[in-house]
Amino acid sequence: MAPELIRNEPFTEKCDIFSLGVIMWELCTLSRPWAGKPPVQVVYSVANEGARLEIPDGPLGSLIADCWTEPEKRPSCQEILTRLLDCEYTLC
């Protein structure tokens, strides 16, 4: 869930971009995010302290990082598609 939603800020399409970044992270790392941490701690840390998962190296990691920036700086769906096509033959 995007940090701005946890803080009860308005929902925008950029919230979905943040979530897509989490899904890409899961697919790239084959891991569960925040495994073993209490959900309440994760929610607080993400919303109030800017906590993020460790970002993988490479172009896909760079895209994930961009999806987790402040909402106004997150890429559009078109930009994500373009960048994913550029990564088509790159391993995570």
N, C-alpha and C. Protein backbone atom coordinates (compact mmCIF):
# COMPACT_ATOMS: atom_id res chain seq x y z
N MET A 1 0.84 -1.18 0.00
CA MET A 1 0.00 0.00 0.00
C MET A 1 0.89 1.24 0.00
N ALA A 2 0.51 2.20 -0.81
CA ALA A 2 1.30 3.42 -0.92
C ALA A 2 1.29 4.20 0.39
N PRO A 3 2.42 4.81 0.74
CA PRO A 3 2.50 5.54 2.00
C PRO A 3 1.45 6.63 2.14
N GLU A 4 1.12 7.29 1.04
CA GLU A 4 0.14 8.36 1.12
C GLU A 4 -1.25 7.84 1.49
N LEU A 5 -1.56 6.61 1.11
CA LEU A 5 -2.85 6.02 1.51
C LEU A 5 -2.85 5.70 3.00
N ILE A 6 -1.74 5.23 3.51
CA ILE A 6 -1.63 4.94 4.94
C ILE A 6 -1.84 6.22 5.74
N ARG A 7 -1.40 7.34 5.19
CA ARG A 7 -1.55 8.64 5.86
C ARG A 7 -2.89 9.29 5.56
N ASN A 8 -3.82 8.54 4.96
CA ASN A 8 -5.17 9.02 4.62
C ASN A 8 -5.16 10.19 3.65
N GLU A 9 -4.19 10.23 2.77
CA GLU A 9 -4.16 11.23 1.71
C GLU A 9 -4.98 10.71 0.53
N PRO A 10 -5.36 11.57 -0.40
CA PRO A 10 -6.22 11.14 -1.52
C PRO A 10 -5.57 10.05 -2.37
N PHE A 11 -6.44 9.17 -2.89
CA PHE A 11 -6.00 8.12 -3.80
C PHE A 11 -5.83 8.71 -5.19
N THR A 12 -4.71 8.38 -5.82
CA THR A 12 -4.49 8.73 -7.23
C THR A 12 -3.91 7.50 -7.92
N GLU A 13 -3.78 7.59 -9.25
CA GLU A 13 -3.18 6.47 -9.98
C GLU A 13 -1.74 6.22 -9.54
N LYS A 14 -1.10 7.20 -8.94
CA LYS A 14 0.28 7.03 -8.47
C LYS A 14 0.36 6.05 -7.31
N CYS A 15 -0.75 5.84 -6.59
CA CYS A 15 -0.78 4.82 -5.54
C CYS A 15 -0.61 3.43 -6.16
N ASP A 16 -1.25 3.22 -7.30
CA ASP A 16 -1.11 1.94 -8.00
C ASP A 16 0.30 1.75 -8.53
N ILE A 17 0.95 2.83 -8.92
CA ILE A 17 2.34 2.74 -9.40
C ILE A 17 3.24 2.27 -8.26
N PHE A 18 3.03 2.79 -7.06
CA PHE A 18 3.80 2.35 -5.90
C PHE A 18 3.60 0.84 -5.70
N SER A 19 2.34 0.39 -5.74
CA SER A 19 2.03 -1.03 -5.54
C SER A 19 2.64 -1.89 -6.64
N LEU A 20 2.64 -1.40 -7.86
CA LEU A 20 3.28 -2.13 -8.95
C LEU A 20 4.77 -2.30 -8.67
N GLY A 21 5.39 -1.28 -8.10
CA GLY A 21 6.79 -1.40 -7.71
C GLY A 21 7.02 -2.53 -6.72
N VAL A 22 6.09 -2.69 -5.78
CA VAL A 22 6.20 -3.78 -4.80
C VAL A 22 6.07 -5.13 -5.51
N ILE A 23 5.12 -5.24 -6.43
CA ILE A 23 4.93 -6.49 -7.16
C ILE A 23 6.17 -6.81 -7.99
N MET A 24 6.73 -5.81 -8.66
CA MET A 24 7.96 -6.04 -9.44
C MET A 24 9.09 -6.49 -8.52
N TRP A 25 9.17 -5.89 -7.32
CA TRP A 25 10.19 -6.27 -6.35
C TRP A 25 10.02 -7.75 -5.98
N GLU A 26 8.79 -8.17 -5.72
CA GLU A 26 8.52 -9.56 -5.36
C GLU A 26 8.93 -10.51 -6.48
N LEU A 27 8.58 -10.16 -7.71
CA LEU A 27 8.93 -11.00 -8.86
C LEU A 27 10.43 -11.06 -9.09
N CYS A 28 11.09 -9.96 -8.86
CA CYS A 28 12.54 -9.88 -9.09
C CYS A 28 13.33 -10.61 -8.01
N THR A 29 12.89 -10.50 -6.77
CA THR A 29 13.64 -11.09 -5.66
C THR A 29 13.12 -12.47 -5.24
N LEU A 30 11.94 -12.82 -5.71
CA LEU A 30 11.27 -14.07 -5.30
C LEU A 30 11.16 -14.14 -3.78
N SER A 31 10.85 -13.01 -3.17
CA SER A 31 10.74 -12.90 -1.72
C SER A 31 9.43 -12.22 -1.34
N ARG A 32 9.04 -12.43 -0.09
CA ARG A 32 7.89 -11.71 0.46
C ARG A 32 8.41 -10.43 1.09
N PRO A 33 7.74 -9.32 0.81
CA PRO A 33 8.21 -8.06 1.42
C PRO A 33 8.03 -8.06 2.92
N TRP A 34 9.03 -7.54 3.59
CA TRP A 34 9.01 -7.37 5.05
C TRP A 34 8.75 -8.68 5.80
N ALA A 35 9.23 -9.79 5.27
CA ALA A 35 9.01 -11.10 5.90
C ALA A 35 9.46 -11.09 7.36
N GLY A 36 8.60 -11.57 8.23
CA GLY A 36 8.93 -11.70 9.64
C GLY A 36 8.72 -10.44 10.47
N LYS A 37 8.34 -9.34 9.85
CA LYS A 37 8.11 -8.10 10.61
C LYS A 37 6.62 -7.94 10.86
N PRO A 38 6.25 -7.47 12.04
CA PRO A 38 4.83 -7.26 12.33
C PRO A 38 4.22 -6.22 11.37
N PRO A 39 3.04 -6.49 10.83
CA PRO A 39 2.42 -5.55 9.89
C PRO A 39 2.29 -4.12 10.42
N VAL A 40 1.99 -3.97 11.69
CA VAL A 40 1.85 -2.63 12.26
C VAL A 40 3.17 -1.87 12.17
N GLN A 41 4.27 -2.56 12.43
CA GLN A 41 5.59 -1.93 12.34
C GLN A 41 5.90 -1.53 10.90
N VAL A 42 5.55 -2.39 9.95
CA VAL A 42 5.80 -2.09 8.54
C VAL A 42 5.00 -0.87 8.11
N VAL A 43 3.72 -0.85 8.44
CA VAL A 43 2.85 0.27 8.06
C VAL A 43 3.40 1.58 8.61
N TYR A 44 3.76 1.59 9.88
CA TYR A 44 4.29 2.81 10.49
C TYR A 44 5.60 3.24 9.82
N SER A 45 6.49 2.29 9.63
CA SER A 45 7.81 2.61 9.05
C SER A 45 7.70 3.13 7.62
N VAL A 46 6.83 2.52 6.82
CA VAL A 46 6.67 2.95 5.43
C VAL A 46 6.03 4.33 5.37
N ALA A 47 4.97 4.54 6.16
CA ALA A 47 4.22 5.80 6.09
C ALA A 47 4.95 6.97 6.74
N ASN A 48 5.61 6.72 7.85
CA ASN A 48 6.15 7.83 8.64
C ASN A 48 7.66 7.98 8.60
N GLU A 49 8.36 6.91 8.26
CA GLU A 49 9.82 6.97 8.27
C GLU A 49 10.43 6.79 6.88
N GLY A 50 9.58 6.58 5.88
CA GLY A 50 10.08 6.41 4.52
C GLY A 50 10.80 5.10 4.28
N ALA A 51 10.54 4.09 5.12
CA ALA A 51 11.22 2.80 4.96
C ALA A 51 10.85 2.17 3.62
N ARG A 52 11.84 1.58 2.98
CA ARG A 52 11.64 0.88 1.72
C ARG A 52 12.45 -0.41 1.76
N LEU A 53 12.04 -1.35 0.93
CA LEU A 53 12.77 -2.61 0.81
C LEU A 53 14.10 -2.37 0.10
N GLU A 54 15.02 -3.31 0.26
CA GLU A 54 16.31 -3.20 -0.43
C GLU A 54 16.07 -3.36 -1.93
N ILE A 55 16.56 -2.41 -2.68
CA ILE A 55 16.29 -2.37 -4.11
C ILE A 55 17.36 -3.15 -4.87
N PRO A 56 16.94 -4.06 -5.77
CA PRO A 56 17.91 -4.82 -6.55
C PRO A 56 18.70 -3.91 -7.50
N ASP A 57 19.85 -4.39 -7.92
CA ASP A 57 20.67 -3.65 -8.89
C ASP A 57 20.06 -3.75 -10.28
N GLY A 58 20.52 -2.91 -11.16
CA GLY A 58 20.15 -3.00 -12.57
C GLY A 58 18.98 -2.12 -12.94
N PRO A 59 18.61 -2.18 -14.23
CA PRO A 59 17.56 -1.31 -14.73
C PRO A 59 16.19 -1.57 -14.09
N LEU A 60 15.90 -2.83 -13.77
CA LEU A 60 14.62 -3.11 -13.12
C LEU A 60 14.61 -2.54 -11.71
N GLY A 61 15.72 -2.64 -11.02
CA GLY A 61 15.83 -2.05 -9.68
C GLY A 61 15.65 -0.54 -9.73
N SER A 62 16.19 0.08 -10.76
CA SER A 62 16.03 1.52 -10.93
C SER A 62 14.56 1.88 -11.15
N LEU A 63 13.86 1.07 -11.92
CA LEU A 63 12.43 1.30 -12.15
C LEU A 63 11.65 1.13 -10.85
N ILE A 64 11.96 0.09 -10.08
CA ILE A 64 11.30 -0.12 -8.79
C ILE A 64 11.52 1.09 -7.89
N ALA A 65 12.74 1.56 -7.82
CA ALA A 65 13.05 2.73 -6.98
C ALA A 65 12.23 3.93 -7.42
N ASP A 66 12.09 4.13 -8.72
CA ASP A 66 11.31 5.26 -9.21
C ASP A 66 9.83 5.12 -8.86
N CYS A 67 9.34 3.89 -8.82
CA CYS A 67 7.94 3.66 -8.44
C CYS A 67 7.71 3.97 -6.96
N TRP A 68 8.77 3.98 -6.18
CA TRP A 68 8.65 4.21 -4.74
C TRP A 68 9.01 5.63 -4.32
N THR A 69 9.22 6.52 -5.26
CA THR A 69 9.52 7.90 -4.90
C THR A 69 8.22 8.62 -4.51
N GLU A 70 8.33 9.91 -4.29
CA GLU A 70 7.14 10.70 -3.98
C GLU A 70 6.16 10.62 -5.15
N PRO A 71 4.86 10.66 -4.88
CA PRO A 71 3.86 10.44 -5.94
C PRO A 71 4.08 11.27 -7.21
N GLU A 72 4.38 12.53 -7.06
CA GLU A 72 4.52 13.38 -8.25
C GLU A 72 5.75 13.04 -9.08
N LYS A 73 6.68 12.26 -8.52
CA LYS A 73 7.89 11.87 -9.24
C LYS A 73 7.80 10.45 -9.81
N ARG A 74 6.74 9.72 -9.48
CA ARG A 74 6.61 8.34 -9.97
C ARG A 74 6.34 8.34 -11.47
N PRO A 75 6.83 7.30 -12.16
CA PRO A 75 6.64 7.24 -13.61
C PRO A 75 5.18 6.99 -13.98
N SER A 76 4.84 7.35 -15.20
CA SER A 76 3.51 7.05 -15.74
C SER A 76 3.48 5.59 -16.18
N CYS A 77 2.29 5.09 -16.45
CA CYS A 77 2.16 3.72 -16.96
C CYS A 77 2.90 3.56 -18.29
N GLN A 78 2.81 4.56 -19.14
CA GLN A 78 3.50 4.51 -20.43
C GLN A 78 5.01 4.44 -20.24
N GLU A 79 5.53 5.24 -19.32
CA GLU A 79 6.97 5.21 -19.06
C GLU A 79 7.40 3.85 -18.50
N ILE A 80 6.58 3.29 -17.62
CA ILE A 80 6.90 1.97 -17.06
C ILE A 80 6.94 0.93 -18.17
N LEU A 81 5.95 0.94 -19.06
CA LEU A 81 5.92 -0.01 -20.16
C LEU A 81 7.16 0.13 -21.04
N THR A 82 7.51 1.34 -21.37
CA THR A 82 8.70 1.59 -22.19
C THR A 82 9.95 1.05 -21.51
N ARG A 83 10.08 1.32 -20.22
CA ARG A 83 11.27 0.87 -19.49
C ARG A 83 11.28 -0.65 -19.33
N LEU A 84 10.11 -1.27 -19.15
CA LEU A 84 10.05 -2.73 -19.06
C LEU A 84 10.45 -3.37 -20.39
N LEU A 85 10.01 -2.78 -21.48
CA LEU A 85 10.42 -3.30 -22.79
C LEU A 85 11.92 -3.18 -22.98
N ASP A 86 12.51 -2.12 -22.47
CA ASP A 86 13.96 -1.97 -22.53
C ASP A 86 14.67 -3.03 -21.69
N CYS A 87 14.00 -3.52 -20.64
CA CYS A 87 14.58 -4.52 -19.74
C CYS A 87 14.27 -5.95 -20.18
N GLU A 88 13.58 -6.12 -21.27
CA GLU A 88 13.04 -7.41 -21.66
C GLU A 88 14.05 -8.55 -21.59
N TYR A 89 15.28 -8.31 -21.96
CA TYR A 89 16.27 -9.37 -21.97
C TYR A 89 17.29 -9.25 -20.85
N THR A 90 16.98 -8.42 -19.87
CA THR A 90 17.88 -8.22 -18.74
C THR A 90 17.36 -9.02 -17.56
N LEU A 91 18.23 -9.74 -16.90
CA LEU A 91 17.83 -10.45 -15.69
C LEU A 91 17.79 -9.48 -14.53
N CYS A 92 16.98 -9.80 -13.54
CA CYS A 92 16.90 -8.96 -12.33
C CYS A 92 18.23 -8.91 -11.63
